C-alpha atoms as a PDB file:
ATOM      1  CA  GLY A   1     173.817  86.125  23.309  1.00  0.00           C
ATOM      2  CA  PHE A   2     172.505  89.401  23.950  1.00  0.00           C
ATOM      3  CA  HIS A   3     169.685  88.932  20.264  1.00  0.00           C
ATOM      4  CA  CYS A   4     168.861  85.526  22.320  1.00  0.00           C
ATOM      5  CA  ALA A   5     167.573  87.434  25.310  1.00  0.00           C
ATOM      6  CA  LEU A   6     165.344  89.084  22.902  1.00  0.00           C
ATOM      7  CA  VAL A   7     162.982  86.042  22.269  1.00  0.00           C
ATOM      8  CA  PRO A   8     161.877  85.135  25.946  1.00  0.00           C
ATOM      9  CA  LEU A   9     161.840  88.906  26.731  1.00  0.00           C
ATOM     10  CA  PHE A  10     158.472  89.217  24.728  1.00  0.00           C
ATOM     11  CA  ASP A  11     157.076  86.285  27.221  1.00  0.00           C
ATOM     12  CA  PRO A  12     154.138  86.888  28.752  1.00  0.00           C
ATOM     13  CA  ARG A  13     154.569  85.387  31.611  1.00  0.00           C
ATOM     14  CA  PHE A  14     157.501  87.418  31.902  1.00  0.00           C
ATOM     15  CA  SER A  15     157.553  89.687  35.301  1.00  0.00           C
ATOM     16  CA  PRO A  16     158.353  93.732  34.480  1.00  0.00           C
ATOM     17  CA  ARG A  17     160.887  93.100  36.778  1.00  0.00           C
ATOM     18  CA  ASN A  18     162.934  90.644  34.903  1.00  0.00           C
ATOM     19  CA  LEU A  19     161.708  92.060  31.458  1.00  0.00           C
ATOM     20  CA  VAL A  20     163.785  95.159  32.565  1.00  0.00           C
ATOM     21  CA  LEU A  21     166.481  93.376  33.983  1.00  0.00           C
ATOM     22  CA  VAL A  22     167.052  91.551  30.969  1.00  0.00           C
ATOM     23  CA  ALA A  23     166.434  95.162  28.702  1.00  0.00           C
ATOM     24  CA  ALA A  24     169.138  97.048  30.877  1.00  0.00           C
ATOM     25  CA  ARG A  25     171.611  94.401  29.455  1.00  0.00           C
ATOM     26  CA  THR A  26     171.067  94.936  25.495  1.00  0.00           C
ATOM     27  CA  PRO A  27     170.933  97.663  23.986  1.00  0.00           C
ATOM     28  CA  LEU A  28     167.270  97.866  23.267  1.00  0.00           C
ATOM     29  CA  GLY A  29     167.746  98.911  27.533  1.00  0.00           C
ATOM     30  CA  ALA A  30     168.932 102.393  25.909  1.00  0.00           C
ATOM     31  CA  VAL A  31     166.129 102.493  24.011  1.00  0.00           C
ATOM     32  CA  LEU A  32     163.669 101.516  26.531  1.00  0.00           C
ATOM     33  CA  SER A  33     165.400 104.114  28.692  1.00  0.00           C
ATOM     34  CA  GLY A  34     164.916 107.105  26.051  1.00  0.00           C
ATOM     35  CA  LEU A  35     161.351 106.230  25.838  1.00  0.00           C
ATOM     36  CA  ASP A  36     160.600 106.257  29.623  1.00  0.00           C
ATOM     37  CA  GLU A  37     162.471 109.484  30.078  1.00  0.00           C
ATOM     38  CA  ASP A  38     160.289 110.711  27.058  1.00  0.00           C
ATOM     39  CA  SER A  39     156.881 110.040  28.433  1.00  0.00           C
ATOM     40  CA  ASP A  40     158.095 111.379  32.178  1.00  0.00           C
END
């Protein structure tokens, strides 16, 4: 079911907070966390 969450994840109507909450429940969350740390 994680992959299904990726579809609405990129919906423009999704708020950044919701995007993070959804991403945190998917393997992609680990990738986003890594990119965030690299940017910081």
